[in-house]
Amino acid sequence: MKTNTNKKLITTLVIVAIFLIIFVLLGPFYILYEGQQSVVTRFGKIVNTEQDSGLKFKMPLVDNVVIYPKKIISWDGAAQRIPTKENQFIWVDTTARWKIADPAKYYETVNTVNNGLLRLNDVLDSSIRTIISENYLNEAVRNTNQINDIKVEEQVQTLDNAEDAETLRNLTVTQSRQENITIGRDGLSQLMFDQAKQFTDAFGIELIDIIVRQIRYSDDLTESVYQRMIKERNQIAEAYRSYGRGQLAQWQGKTENEEKVILSEAYAKSETIKGIADAEAANIYALSYEVDPEFFELWRTLESYRKTIPSLDKVLSTDMQYFNLLYGNNEQE
């Protein structure tokens, strides 16, 4: 009797062990690693969710485990060419961070991570386009009004005269006050976030933030900006030219005045020298006349002939006292 009981017990234990081995081989356990979460479904219906790491149990054959990341995931959208409120086209490049907050809802709505990214593409691209097109360009490209508090002074060349340097600095100053913003880039990012979050919550997605990574002007707007910059630099260049022309006129006037002073002094000095020379010449002539008056008279007359006769076109009569010496008609004859 006791032998039969032992046999039955051994048989039962063997059967139980076999079932246990088969159960274990069918895989009733799975490991959930750190940074992972899971959804357990049975015949397509969610029966359990796990968000803590460790060894987890499931019913073999009938339960299916879908594992999702619990970490923060980045979203990098493609740059979009979007018109602003004043119809200026800009390229907007954005990025966002998100994570699966409700794995059960996420499984029911989007199922896979790739599908979740596709839904985010639709939601975020739409929110970004809507917010940018409802606001002006300066709200997208600037974040504060500090640009209007910055005073830009043109660096001028070193001048000896501080007054001239200040004048040149005033000529080259440019007044370019920008319109004040009320929202700014960070504010637009927050508006995008608020609008997109209304849709992402329905997918079990927790949207952490949206950041405008880069704003780039389109080609037509870039050309307009370049033309404005060129115009400002041309204004500064014209200010330098105007200052240079003023300096040139000033130095020319100063040079002319100095030239007149020098010439005036030289003329006065030359006239003085001429006066002294003429006095000395007259004195010499007087002394010479006193030594031999007849020779002096002859020399003076010949000098007069030499100067006047070559320029005479015609002579109507030679019966003039002026020609007495030339023709020998003197009183002695």
C-alpha atoms as a PDB file:
ATOM      1  CA  MET A   1       0.000   0.000   0.000  1.00  0.00           C
ATOM      2  CA  LYS A   2       2.766   2.353   0.980  1.00  0.00           C
ATOM      3  CA  THR A   3       4.681   1.486  -2.192  1.00  0.00           C
ATOM      4  CA  ASN A   4       1.727   2.463  -4.408  1.00  0.00           C
ATOM      5  CA  THR A   5       1.398   5.790  -2.576  1.00  0.00           C
ATOM      6  CA  ASN A   6       5.057   6.592  -3.117  1.00  0.00           C
ATOM      7  CA  LYS A   7       4.769   5.749  -6.785  1.00  0.00           C
ATOM      8  CA  LYS A   8       1.770   8.040  -7.180  1.00  0.00           C
ATOM      9  CA  LEU A   9       3.602  10.861  -5.376  1.00  0.00           C
ATOM     10  CA  ILE A  10       6.670  10.454  -7.533  1.00  0.00           C
ATOM     11  CA  THR A  11       4.542  10.361 -10.691  1.00  0.00           C
ATOM     12  CA  THR A  12       2.727  13.529  -9.621  1.00  0.00           C
ATOM     13  CA  LEU A  13       5.980  15.332  -8.878  1.00  0.00           C
ATOM     14  CA  VAL A  14       7.398  14.284 -12.218  1.00  0.00           C
ATOM     15  CA  ILE A  15       4.306  15.557 -14.043  1.00  0.00           C
ATOM     16  CA  VAL A  16       4.418  18.828 -12.136  1.00  0.00           C
ATOM     17  CA  ALA A  17       8.108  19.208 -12.903  1.00  0.00           C
ATOM     18  CA  ILE A  18       7.450  18.533 -16.569  1.00  0.00           C
ATOM     19  CA  PHE A  19       4.693  21.146 -16.627  1.00  0.00           C
ATOM     20  CA  LEU A  20       6.954  23.596 -14.834  1.00  0.00           C
ATOM     21  CA  ILE A  21       9.714  22.993 -17.338  1.00  0.00           C
ATOM     22  CA  ILE A  22       7.316  23.427 -20.236  1.00  0.00           C
ATOM     23  CA  PHE A  23       5.903  26.589 -18.616  1.00  0.00           C
ATOM     24  CA  VAL A  24       9.355  28.030 -18.173  1.00  0.00           C
ATOM     25  CA  LEU A  25      10.326  27.141 -21.728  1.00  0.00           C
ATOM     26  CA  LEU A  26       7.259  28.952 -23.022  1.00  0.00           C
ATOM     27  CA  GLY A  27       8.703  32.184 -21.553  1.00  0.00           C
ATOM     28  CA  PRO A  28       6.424  33.550 -18.803  1.00  0.00           C
ATOM     29  CA  PHE A  29       9.012  36.158 -17.775  1.00  0.00           C
ATOM     30  CA  TYR A  30      10.593  39.087 -19.509  1.00  0.00           C
ATOM     31  CA  ILE A  31      13.152  41.670 -18.429  1.00  0.00           C
ATOM     32  CA  LEU A  32      12.346  45.362 -18.455  1.00  0.00           C
ATOM     33  CA  TYR A  33      15.582  47.335 -18.511  1.00  0.00           C
ATOM     34  CA  GLU A  34      16.185  50.768 -17.089  1.00  0.00           C
ATOM     35  CA  GLY A  35      14.757  53.430 -19.398  1.00  0.00           C
ATOM     36  CA  GLN A  36      12.070  51.101 -20.777  1.00  0.00           C
ATOM     37  CA  GLN A  37       8.353  50.644 -20.220  1.00  0.00           C
ATOM     38  CA  SER A  38       5.973  48.041 -21.533  1.00  0.00           C
ATOM     39  CA  VAL A  39       2.390  47.372 -22.500  1.00  0.00           C
ATOM     40  CA  VAL A  40       1.063  43.805 -22.062  1.00  0.00           C
ATOM     41  CA  THR A  41      -1.802  42.842 -24.351  1.00  0.00           C
ATOM     42  CA  ARG A  42      -3.908  39.708 -24.409  1.00  0.00           C
ATOM     43  CA  PHE A  43      -5.721  38.990 -27.640  1.00  0.00           C
ATOM     44  CA  GLY A  44      -5.240  42.657 -28.629  1.00  0.00           C
ATOM     45  CA  LYS A  45      -6.591  44.034 -25.347  1.00  0.00           C
ATOM     46  CA  ILE A  46      -4.323  45.846 -22.879  1.00  0.00           C
ATOM     47  CA  VAL A  47      -4.153  43.904 -19.617  1.00  0.00           C
ATOM     48  CA  ASN A  48      -1.177  45.572 -17.933  1.00  0.00           C
ATOM     49  CA  THR A  49       1.456  48.320 -18.216  1.00  0.00           C
ATOM     50  CA  GLU A  50       4.866  48.359 -16.586  1.00  0.00           C
ATOM     51  CA  GLN A  51       7.104  51.396 -16.112  1.00  0.00           C
ATOM     52  CA  ASP A  52       9.556  50.092 -13.512  1.00  0.00           C
ATOM     53  CA  SER A  53      12.596  48.061 -14.524  1.00  0.00           C
ATOM     54  CA  GLY A  54      13.021  44.437 -13.377  1.00  0.00           C
ATOM     55  CA  LEU A  55      11.818  40.907 -14.051  1.00  0.00           C
ATOM     56  CA  LYS A  56       8.181  40.915 -15.173  1.00  0.00           C
ATOM     57  CA  PHE A  57       5.578  38.200 -15.630  1.00  0.00           C
ATOM     58  CA  LYS A  58       3.257  37.511 -18.531  1.00  0.00           C
ATOM     59  CA  MET A  59       0.997  34.677 -19.550  1.00  0.00           C
ATOM     60  CA  PRO A  60       2.792  32.493 -22.068  1.00  0.00           C
ATOM     61  CA  LEU A  61       1.318  32.119 -25.550  1.00  0.00           C
ATOM     62  CA  VAL A  62      -1.555  34.503 -24.947  1.00  0.00           C
ATOM     63  CA  ASP A  63       0.170  37.676 -23.749  1.00  0.00           C
ATOM     64  CA  ASN A  64       2.153  39.978 -26.042  1.00  0.00           C
ATOM     65  CA  VAL A  65       4.649  42.542 -24.669  1.00  0.00           C
ATOM     66  CA  VAL A  66       5.309  45.836 -26.486  1.00  0.00           C
ATOM     67  CA  ILE A  67       8.307  47.746 -25.143  1.00  0.00           C
ATOM     68  CA  TYR A  68       8.613  51.523 -25.469  1.00  0.00           C
ATOM     69  CA  PRO A  69      11.455  53.858 -24.465  1.00  0.00           C
ATOM     70  CA  LYS A  70      10.860  55.844 -21.287  1.00  0.00           C
ATOM     71  CA  LYS A  71      13.679  58.280 -22.006  1.00  0.00           C
ATOM     72  CA  ILE A  72      13.338  61.737 -23.512  1.00  0.00           C
ATOM     73  CA  ILE A  73      13.377  61.594 -27.311  1.00  0.00           C
ATOM     74  CA  SER A  74      14.416  64.429 -29.616  1.00  0.00           C
ATOM     75  CA  TRP A  75      12.452  65.557 -32.631  1.00  0.00           C
ATOM     76  CA  ASP A  76      14.273  67.364 -35.425  1.00  0.00           C
ATOM     77  CA  GLY A  77      11.944  68.780 -38.021  1.00  0.00           C
ATOM     78  CA  ALA A  78      12.917  69.802 -41.516  1.00  0.00           C
ATOM     79  CA  ALA A  79      13.370  73.524 -42.107  1.00  0.00           C
ATOM     80  CA  GLN A  80      10.187  75.118 -43.451  1.00  0.00           C
ATOM     81  CA  ARG A  81       9.825  78.174 -45.690  1.00  0.00           C
ATOM     82  CA  ILE A  82       7.034  80.106 -44.001  1.00  0.00           C
ATOM     83  CA  PRO A  83       5.573  83.571 -44.688  1.00  0.00           C
ATOM     84  CA  THR A  84       5.298  85.954 -41.731  1.00  0.00           C
ATOM     85  CA  LYS A  85       2.353  88.248 -41.059  1.00  0.00           C
ATOM     86  CA  GLU A  86       3.790  90.919 -43.407  1.00  0.00           C
ATOM     87  CA  ASN A  87       4.294  88.205 -46.057  1.00  0.00           C
ATOM     88  CA  GLN A  88       8.085  88.018 -45.687  1.00  0.00           C
ATOM     89  CA  PHE A  89       9.319  84.468 -46.284  1.00  0.00           C
ATOM     90  CA  ILE A  90      11.795  82.969 -43.817  1.00  0.00           C
ATOM     91  CA  TRP A  91      13.232  79.506 -43.241  1.00  0.00           C
ATOM     92  CA  VAL A  92      12.368  78.193 -39.769  1.00  0.00           C
ATOM     93  CA  ASP A  93      14.347  75.296 -38.274  1.00  0.00           C
ATOM     94  CA  THR A  94      12.968  73.884 -35.018  1.00  0.00           C
ATOM     95  CA  THR A  95      13.620  71.047 -32.621  1.00  0.00           C
ATOM     96  CA  ALA A  96      11.561  69.527 -29.806  1.00  0.00           C
ATOM     97  CA  ARG A  97      11.808  67.033 -26.959  1.00  0.00           C
ATOM     98  CA  TRP A  98       9.139  64.518 -26.013  1.00  0.00           C
ATOM     99  CA  LYS A  99       8.551  61.234 -24.238  1.00  0.00           C
ATOM    100  CA  ILE A 100       5.886  58.551 -23.926  1.00  0.00           C
ATOM    101  CA  ALA A 101       4.042  59.453 -20.732  1.00  0.00           C
ATOM    102  CA  ASP A 102       1.039  57.107 -21.055  1.00  0.00           C
ATOM    103  CA  PRO A 103       2.128  53.868 -22.764  1.00  0.00           C
ATOM    104  CA  ALA A 104      -1.402  52.438 -22.843  1.00  0.00           C
ATOM    105  CA  LYS A 105      -2.842  55.481 -24.635  1.00  0.00           C
ATOM    106  CA  TYR A 106       0.187  55.612 -26.888  1.00  0.00           C
ATOM    107  CA  TYR A 107      -0.333  51.966 -27.867  1.00  0.00           C
ATOM    108  CA  GLU A 108      -3.996  52.572 -28.616  1.00  0.00           C
ATOM    109  CA  THR A 109      -3.455  55.676 -30.748  1.00  0.00           C
ATOM    110  CA  VAL A 110      -0.116  55.397 -32.573  1.00  0.00           C
ATOM    111  CA  ASN A 111       1.194  51.934 -31.596  1.00  0.00           C
ATOM    112  CA  THR A 112       4.848  52.290 -32.716  1.00  0.00           C
ATOM    113  CA  VAL A 113       7.602  54.849 -32.161  1.00  0.00           C
ATOM    114  CA  ASN A 114       7.849  55.552 -35.888  1.00  0.00           C
ATOM    115  CA  ASN A 115       4.122  56.243 -36.071  1.00  0.00           C
ATOM    116  CA  GLY A 116       4.516  58.569 -33.112  1.00  0.00           C
ATOM    117  CA  LEU A 117       7.196  60.527 -34.967  1.00  0.00           C
ATOM    118  CA  LEU A 118       4.918  60.791 -37.991  1.00  0.00           C
ATOM    119  CA  ARG A 119       2.102  62.178 -35.812  1.00  0.00           C
ATOM    120  CA  LEU A 120       4.532  64.639 -34.233  1.00  0.00           C
ATOM    121  CA  ASN A 121       5.637  65.759 -37.697  1.00  0.00           C
ATOM    122  CA  ASP A 122       2.056  66.618 -38.594  1.00  0.00           C
ATOM    123  CA  VAL A 123       1.223  68.327 -35.290  1.00  0.00           C
ATOM    124  CA  LEU A 124       4.446  70.278 -34.791  1.00  0.00           C
ATOM    125  CA  ASP A 125       4.856  71.389 -38.407  1.00  0.00           C
ATOM    126  CA  SER A 126       1.289  72.667 -38.403  1.00  0.00           C
ATOM    127  CA  SER A 127       1.731  74.522 -35.092  1.00  0.00           C
ATOM    128  CA  ILE A 128       5.010  76.090 -36.212  1.00  0.00           C
ATOM    129  CA  ARG A 129       3.563  77.266 -39.519  1.00  0.00           C
ATOM    130  CA  THR A 130       0.455  78.678 -37.844  1.00  0.00           C
ATOM    131  CA  ILE A 131       2.304  80.661 -35.162  1.00  0.00           C
ATOM    132  CA  ILE A 132       4.945  82.065 -37.530  1.00  0.00           C
ATOM    133  CA  SER A 133       2.387  83.170 -40.116  1.00  0.00           C
ATOM    134  CA  GLU A 134       0.329  84.958 -37.414  1.00  0.00           C
ATOM    135  CA  ASN A 135       3.247  87.121 -36.202  1.00  0.00           C
ATOM    136  CA  TYR A 136       5.584  89.713 -37.667  1.00  0.00           C
ATOM    137  CA  LEU A 137       9.146  89.045 -38.769  1.00  0.00           C
ATOM    138  CA  ASN A 138      10.793  90.958 -35.914  1.00  0.00           C
ATOM    139  CA  GLU A 139       8.990  88.748 -33.385  1.00  0.00           C
ATOM    140  CA  ALA A 140      10.619  85.669 -34.932  1.00  0.00           C
ATOM    141  CA  VAL A 141      14.171  86.937 -35.347  1.00  0.00           C
ATOM    142  CA  ARG A 142      14.564  88.795 -32.043  1.00  0.00           C
ATOM    143  CA  ASN A 143      14.030  87.901 -28.431  1.00  0.00           C
ATOM    144  CA  THR A 144      14.475  91.253 -26.659  1.00  0.00           C
ATOM    145  CA  ASN A 145      14.452  95.004 -27.334  1.00  0.00           C
ATOM    146  CA  GLN A 146      18.059  95.467 -26.208  1.00  0.00           C
ATOM    147  CA  ILE A 147      19.115  96.315 -29.753  1.00  0.00           C
ATOM    148  CA  ASN A 148      17.410  99.697 -29.352  1.00  0.00           C
ATOM    149  CA  ASP A 149      19.496 100.419 -26.240  1.00  0.00           C
ATOM    150  CA  ILE A 150      22.797  99.813 -28.009  1.00  0.00           C
ATOM    151  CA  LYS A 151      24.530 102.952 -29.263  1.00  0.00           C
ATOM    152  CA  VAL A 152      26.762 102.208 -32.223  1.00  0.00           C
ATOM    153  CA  GLU A 153      29.607 104.666 -32.818  1.00  0.00           C
ATOM    154  CA  GLU A 154      31.720 104.523 -35.930  1.00  0.00           C
ATOM    155  CA  GLN A 155      35.426 104.099 -35.230  1.00  0.00           C
ATOM    156  CA  VAL A 156      37.149 107.084 -36.828  1.00  0.00           C
ATOM    157  CA  GLN A 157      40.793 107.531 -37.632  1.00  0.00           C
ATOM    158  CA  THR A 158      43.040 109.212 -35.093  1.00  0.00           C
ATOM    159  CA  LEU A 159      42.981 112.975 -35.600  1.00  0.00           C
ATOM    160  CA  ASP A 160      45.115 115.623 -33.955  1.00  0.00           C
ATOM    161  CA  ASN A 161      42.105 117.840 -33.469  1.00  0.00           C
ATOM    162  CA  ALA A 162      39.566 116.375 -31.059  1.00  0.00           C
ATOM    163  CA  GLU A 163      36.878 118.670 -32.460  1.00  0.00           C
ATOM    164  CA  ASP A 164      37.437 117.319 -35.980  1.00  0.00           C
ATOM    165  CA  ALA A 165      37.235 113.763 -34.664  1.00  0.00           C
ATOM    166  CA  GLU A 166      33.913 114.522 -32.954  1.00  0.00           C
ATOM    167  CA  THR A 167      32.601 116.169 -36.115  1.00  0.00           C
ATOM    168  CA  LEU A 168      33.518 113.147 -38.205  1.00  0.00           C
ATOM    169  CA  ARG A 169      31.951 110.829 -35.629  1.00  0.00           C
ATOM    170  CA  ASN A 170      28.692 112.796 -35.755  1.00  0.00           C
ATOM    171  CA  LEU A 171      28.677 112.647 -39.539  1.00  0.00           C
ATOM    172  CA  THR A 172      29.066 108.871 -39.589  1.00  0.00           C
ATOM    173  CA  VAL A 173      26.536 108.051 -36.883  1.00  0.00           C
ATOM    174  CA  THR A 174      23.607 105.957 -38.144  1.00  0.00           C
ATOM    175  CA  GLN A 175      20.185 105.980 -36.548  1.00  0.00           C
ATOM    176  CA  SER A 176      18.505 102.603 -37.094  1.00  0.00           C
ATOM    177  CA  ARG A 177      15.897 102.029 -34.428  1.00  0.00           C
ATOM    178  CA  GLN A 178      14.080  98.723 -34.669  1.00  0.00           C
ATOM    179  CA  GLU A 179      10.440  98.153 -33.877  1.00  0.00           C
ATOM    180  CA  ASN A 180       9.794  96.937 -30.339  1.00  0.00           C
ATOM    181  CA  ILE A 181       8.692  93.342 -29.962  1.00  0.00           C
ATOM    182  CA  THR A 182       5.992  92.088 -27.604  1.00  0.00           C
ATOM    183  CA  ILE A 183       6.384  88.304 -27.875  1.00  0.00           C
ATOM    184  CA  GLY A 184       9.838  87.456 -29.183  1.00  0.00           C
ATOM    185  CA  ARG A 185      11.282  84.164 -30.355  1.00  0.00           C
ATOM    186  CA  ASP A 186      10.981  82.466 -26.967  1.00  0.00           C
ATOM    187  CA  GLY A 187       7.382  83.609 -26.750  1.00  0.00           C
ATOM    188  CA  LEU A 188       6.642  82.143 -30.170  1.00  0.00           C
ATOM    189  CA  SER A 189       8.225  78.868 -29.079  1.00  0.00           C
ATOM    190  CA  GLN A 190       5.911  78.823 -26.066  1.00  0.00           C
ATOM    191  CA  LEU A 191       2.866  79.502 -28.277  1.00  0.00           C
ATOM    192  CA  MET A 192       3.900  76.623 -30.548  1.00  0.00           C
ATOM    193  CA  PHE A 193       4.274  74.400 -27.499  1.00  0.00           C
ATOM    194  CA  ASP A 194       0.862  75.332 -26.080  1.00  0.00           C
ATOM    195  CA  GLN A 195      -0.893  74.711 -29.377  1.00  0.00           C
ATOM    196  CA  ALA A 196       0.848  71.416 -30.115  1.00  0.00           C
ATOM    197  CA  LYS A 197       0.382  70.090 -26.575  1.00  0.00           C
ATOM    198  CA  GLN A 198      -3.398  70.120 -27.030  1.00  0.00           C
ATOM    199  CA  PHE A 199      -2.994  67.379 -29.647  1.00  0.00           C
ATOM    200  CA  THR A 200      -0.023  65.416 -28.322  1.00  0.00           C
ATOM    201  CA  ASP A 201      -1.689  64.695 -24.963  1.00  0.00           C
ATOM    202  CA  ALA A 202      -4.321  62.698 -26.811  1.00  0.00           C
ATOM    203  CA  PHE A 203      -1.591  60.344 -28.060  1.00  0.00           C
ATOM    204  CA  GLY A 204      -0.116  59.668 -24.613  1.00  0.00           C
ATOM    205  CA  ILE A 205       2.861  61.860 -25.540  1.00  0.00           C
ATOM    206  CA  GLU A 206       4.288  64.399 -23.111  1.00  0.00           C
ATOM    207  CA  LEU A 207       5.703  67.263 -25.120  1.00  0.00           C
ATOM    208  CA  ILE A 208       8.528  68.833 -23.105  1.00  0.00           C
ATOM    209  CA  ASP A 209       9.432  71.871 -25.244  1.00  0.00           C
ATOM    210  CA  ILE A 210       9.728  73.302 -28.736  1.00  0.00           C
ATOM    211  CA  ILE A 211      12.740  75.441 -29.571  1.00  0.00           C
ATOM    212  CA  VAL A 212      13.261  77.592 -32.666  1.00  0.00           C
ATOM    213  CA  ARG A 213      16.795  76.551 -33.478  1.00  0.00           C
ATOM    214  CA  GLN A 214      17.464  78.851 -36.433  1.00  0.00           C
ATOM    215  CA  ILE A 215      15.758  81.583 -38.427  1.00  0.00           C
ATOM    216  CA  ARG A 216      17.195  82.124 -41.896  1.00  0.00           C
ATOM    217  CA  TYR A 217      16.076  84.722 -44.405  1.00  0.00           C
ATOM    218  CA  SER A 218      14.922  83.575 -47.817  1.00  0.00           C
ATOM    219  CA  ASP A 219      16.927  84.709 -50.850  1.00  0.00           C
ATOM    220  CA  ASP A 220      14.681  87.661 -51.709  1.00  0.00           C
ATOM    221  CA  LEU A 221      14.634  88.901 -48.113  1.00  0.00           C
ATOM    222  CA  THR A 222      18.402  88.388 -47.786  1.00  0.00           C
ATOM    223  CA  GLU A 223      18.951  90.578 -50.848  1.00  0.00           C
ATOM    224  CA  SER A 224      16.768  93.284 -49.294  1.00  0.00           C
ATOM    225  CA  VAL A 225      18.797  93.172 -46.074  1.00  0.00           C
ATOM    226  CA  TYR A 226      22.058  93.364 -48.013  1.00  0.00           C
ATOM    227  CA  GLN A 227      20.820  96.388 -49.967  1.00  0.00           C
ATOM    228  CA  ARG A 228      19.887  98.154 -46.739  1.00  0.00           C
ATOM    229  CA  MET A 229      23.319  97.422 -45.276  1.00  0.00           C
ATOM    230  CA  ILE A 230      25.001  98.678 -48.464  1.00  0.00           C
ATOM    231  CA  LYS A 231      22.937 101.871 -48.289  1.00  0.00           C
ATOM    232  CA  GLU A 232      24.029 102.487 -44.690  1.00  0.00           C
ATOM    233  CA  ARG A 233      27.693 101.942 -45.538  1.00  0.00           C
ATOM    234  CA  ASN A 234      27.384 104.228 -48.557  1.00  0.00           C
ATOM    235  CA  GLN A 235      25.990 106.935 -46.283  1.00  0.00           C
ATOM    236  CA  ILE A 236      28.992 106.567 -43.990  1.00  0.00           C
ATOM    237  CA  ALA A 237      31.363 106.599 -46.975  1.00  0.00           C
ATOM    238  CA  GLU A 238      29.706 109.769 -48.264  1.00  0.00           C
ATOM    239  CA  ALA A 239      30.139 111.332 -44.817  1.00  0.00           C
ATOM    240  CA  TYR A 240      33.880 110.573 -44.997  1.00  0.00           C
ATOM    241  CA  ARG A 241      34.050 112.051 -48.493  1.00  0.00           C
ATOM    242  CA  SER A 242      32.175 115.152 -47.379  1.00  0.00           C
ATOM    243  CA  TYR A 243      34.514 115.580 -44.437  1.00  0.00           C
ATOM    244  CA  GLY A 244      37.507 115.085 -46.740  1.00  0.00           C
ATOM    245  CA  ARG A 245      36.227 117.702 -49.180  1.00  0.00           C
ATOM    246  CA  GLY A 246      35.783 120.135 -46.291  1.00  0.00           C
ATOM    247  CA  GLN A 247      39.308 119.455 -45.076  1.00  0.00           C
ATOM    248  CA  LEU A 248      40.615 119.900 -48.628  1.00  0.00           C
ATOM    249  CA  ALA A 249      38.876 123.264 -49.004  1.00  0.00           C
ATOM    250  CA  GLN A 250      40.193 124.332 -45.607  1.00  0.00           C
ATOM    251  CA  TRP A 251      43.772 123.439 -46.457  1.00  0.00           C
ATOM    252  CA  GLN A 252      43.502 124.988 -49.918  1.00  0.00           C
ATOM    253  CA  GLY A 253      42.242 128.247 -48.399  1.00  0.00           C
ATOM    254  CA  LYS A 254      45.010 128.180 -45.840  1.00  0.00           C
ATOM    255  CA  THR A 255      47.595 127.496 -48.554  1.00  0.00           C
ATOM    256  CA  GLU A 256      46.255 130.306 -50.740  1.00  0.00           C
ATOM    257  CA  ASN A 257      46.368 132.732 -47.827  1.00  0.00           C
ATOM    258  CA  GLU A 258      49.933 131.745 -47.025  1.00  0.00           C
ATOM    259  CA  GLU A 259      50.826 132.081 -50.710  1.00  0.00           C
ATOM    260  CA  LYS A 260      49.372 135.596 -50.836  1.00  0.00           C
ATOM    261  CA  VAL A 261      51.251 136.587 -47.683  1.00  0.00           C
ATOM    262  CA  ILE A 262      54.532 135.237 -49.058  1.00  0.00           C
ATOM    263  CA  LEU A 263      54.013 136.899 -52.465  1.00  0.00           C
ATOM    264  CA  SER A 264      53.022 140.182 -50.812  1.00  0.00           C
ATOM    265  CA  GLU A 265      56.105 140.171 -48.642  1.00  0.00           C
ATOM    266  CA  ALA A 266      58.292 139.224 -51.608  1.00  0.00           C
ATOM    267  CA  TYR A 267      56.734 141.961 -53.763  1.00  0.00           C
ATOM    268  CA  ALA A 268      57.312 144.563 -51.062  1.00  0.00           C
ATOM    269  CA  LYS A 269      60.874 143.401 -50.657  1.00  0.00           C
ATOM    270  CA  SER A 270      61.472 143.408 -54.425  1.00  0.00           C
ATOM    271  CA  GLU A 271      60.021 146.910 -54.761  1.00  0.00           C
ATOM    272  CA  THR A 272      62.335 148.096 -52.016  1.00  0.00           C
ATOM    273  CA  ILE A 273      65.325 146.553 -53.778  1.00  0.00           C
ATOM    274  CA  LYS A 274      64.203 148.089 -57.090  1.00  0.00           C
ATOM    275  CA  GLY A 275      63.873 151.483 -55.452  1.00  0.00           C
ATOM    276  CA  ILE A 276      67.362 151.244 -54.013  1.00  0.00           C
ATOM    277  CA  ALA A 277      68.734 150.013 -57.371  1.00  0.00           C
ATOM    278  CA  ASP A 278      66.976 152.799 -59.282  1.00  0.00           C
ATOM    279  CA  ALA A 279      68.408 155.377 -56.869  1.00  0.00           C
ATOM    280  CA  GLU A 280      71.880 153.925 -57.295  1.00  0.00           C
ATOM    281  CA  ALA A 281      71.454 153.845 -61.098  1.00  0.00           C
ATOM    282  CA  ALA A 282      70.280 157.462 -61.148  1.00  0.00           C
ATOM    283  CA  ASN A 283      73.257 158.394 -59.040  1.00  0.00           C
ATOM    284  CA  ILE A 284      75.606 156.589 -61.445  1.00  0.00           C
ATOM    285  CA  TYR A 285      73.911 158.262 -64.438  1.00  0.00           C
ATOM    286  CA  ALA A 286      74.317 161.646 -62.799  1.00  0.00           C
ATOM    287  CA  LEU A 287      77.970 161.056 -62.082  1.00  0.00           C
ATOM    288  CA  SER A 288      78.549 159.805 -65.615  1.00  0.00           C
ATOM    289  CA  TYR A 289      76.810 162.846 -67.097  1.00  0.00           C
ATOM    290  CA  GLU A 290      78.950 165.145 -65.086  1.00  0.00           C
ATOM    291  CA  VAL A 291      82.162 163.450 -66.288  1.00  0.00           C
ATOM    292  CA  ASP A 292      81.374 163.731 -70.091  1.00  0.00           C
ATOM    293  CA  PRO A 293      77.993 165.263 -70.953  1.00  0.00           C
ATOM    294  CA  GLU A 294      78.430 164.925 -74.714  1.00  0.00           C
ATOM    295  CA  PHE A 295      79.251 161.211 -74.587  1.00  0.00           C
ATOM    296  CA  PHE A 296      76.380 160.618 -72.216  1.00  0.00           C
ATOM    297  CA  GLU A 297      73.985 162.363 -74.592  1.00  0.00           C
ATOM    298  CA  LEU A 298      75.314 160.278 -77.503  1.00  0.00           C
ATOM    299  CA  TRP A 299      74.881 157.013 -75.598  1.00  0.00           C
ATOM    300  CA  ARG A 300      71.363 157.889 -74.493  1.00  0.00           C
ATOM    301  CA  THR A 301      70.332 158.785 -78.036  1.00  0.00           C
ATOM    302  CA  LEU A 302      71.764 155.575 -79.539  1.00  0.00           C
ATOM    303  CA  GLU A 303      69.975 153.509 -76.922  1.00  0.00           C
ATOM    304  CA  SER A 304      66.757 155.275 -77.832  1.00  0.00           C
ATOM    305  CA  TYR A 305      67.296 154.588 -81.546  1.00  0.00           C
ATOM    306  CA  ARG A 306      67.955 150.918 -80.819  1.00  0.00           C
ATOM    307  CA  LYS A 307      64.683 150.564 -79.027  1.00  0.00           C
ATOM    308  CA  THR A 308      62.351 152.673 -81.153  1.00  0.00           C
ATOM    309  CA  ILE A 309      63.523 152.505 -84.799  1.00  0.00           C
ATOM    310  CA  PRO A 310      62.921 148.705 -85.304  1.00  0.00           C
ATOM    311  CA  SER A 311      59.285 149.183 -84.364  1.00  0.00           C
ATOM    312  CA  LEU A 312      58.613 152.165 -86.705  1.00  0.00           C
ATOM    313  CA  ASP A 313      56.405 151.140 -89.675  1.00  0.00           C
ATOM    314  CA  LYS A 314      56.828 154.419 -91.556  1.00  0.00           C
ATOM    315  CA  VAL A 315      58.566 157.772 -91.164  1.00  0.00           C
ATOM    316  CA  LEU A 316      56.894 160.725 -92.886  1.00  0.00           C
ATOM    317  CA  SER A 317      59.732 163.085 -92.279  1.00  0.00           C
ATOM    318  CA  THR A 318      63.263 162.947 -90.986  1.00  0.00           C
ATOM    319  CA  ASP A 319      63.310 166.645 -90.405  1.00  0.00           C
ATOM    320  CA  MET A 320      62.984 166.201 -86.683  1.00  0.00           C
ATOM    321  CA  GLN A 321      65.394 167.025 -83.947  1.00  0.00           C
ATOM    322  CA  TYR A 322      65.131 163.395 -82.831  1.00  0.00           C
ATOM    323  CA  PHE A 323      67.008 162.237 -85.969  1.00  0.00           C
ATOM    324  CA  ASN A 324      69.690 164.955 -85.955  1.00  0.00           C
ATOM    325  CA  LEU A 325      72.323 162.638 -84.531  1.00  0.00           C
ATOM    326  CA  LEU A 326      71.392 159.852 -87.001  1.00  0.00           C
ATOM    327  CA  TYR A 327      71.744 162.070 -90.107  1.00  0.00           C
ATOM    328  CA  GLY A 328      74.502 164.204 -88.761  1.00  0.00           C
ATOM    329  CA  ASN A 329      72.420 167.408 -88.767  1.00  0.00           C
ATOM    330  CA  ASN A 330      73.979 169.054 -85.790  1.00  0.00           C
ATOM    331  CA  GLU A 331      74.685 172.594 -85.026  1.00  0.00           C
ATOM    332  CA  GLN A 332      78.439 172.259 -85.624  1.00  0.00           C
ATOM    333  CA  GLU A 333      77.862 171.360 -89.296  1.00  0.00           C
END
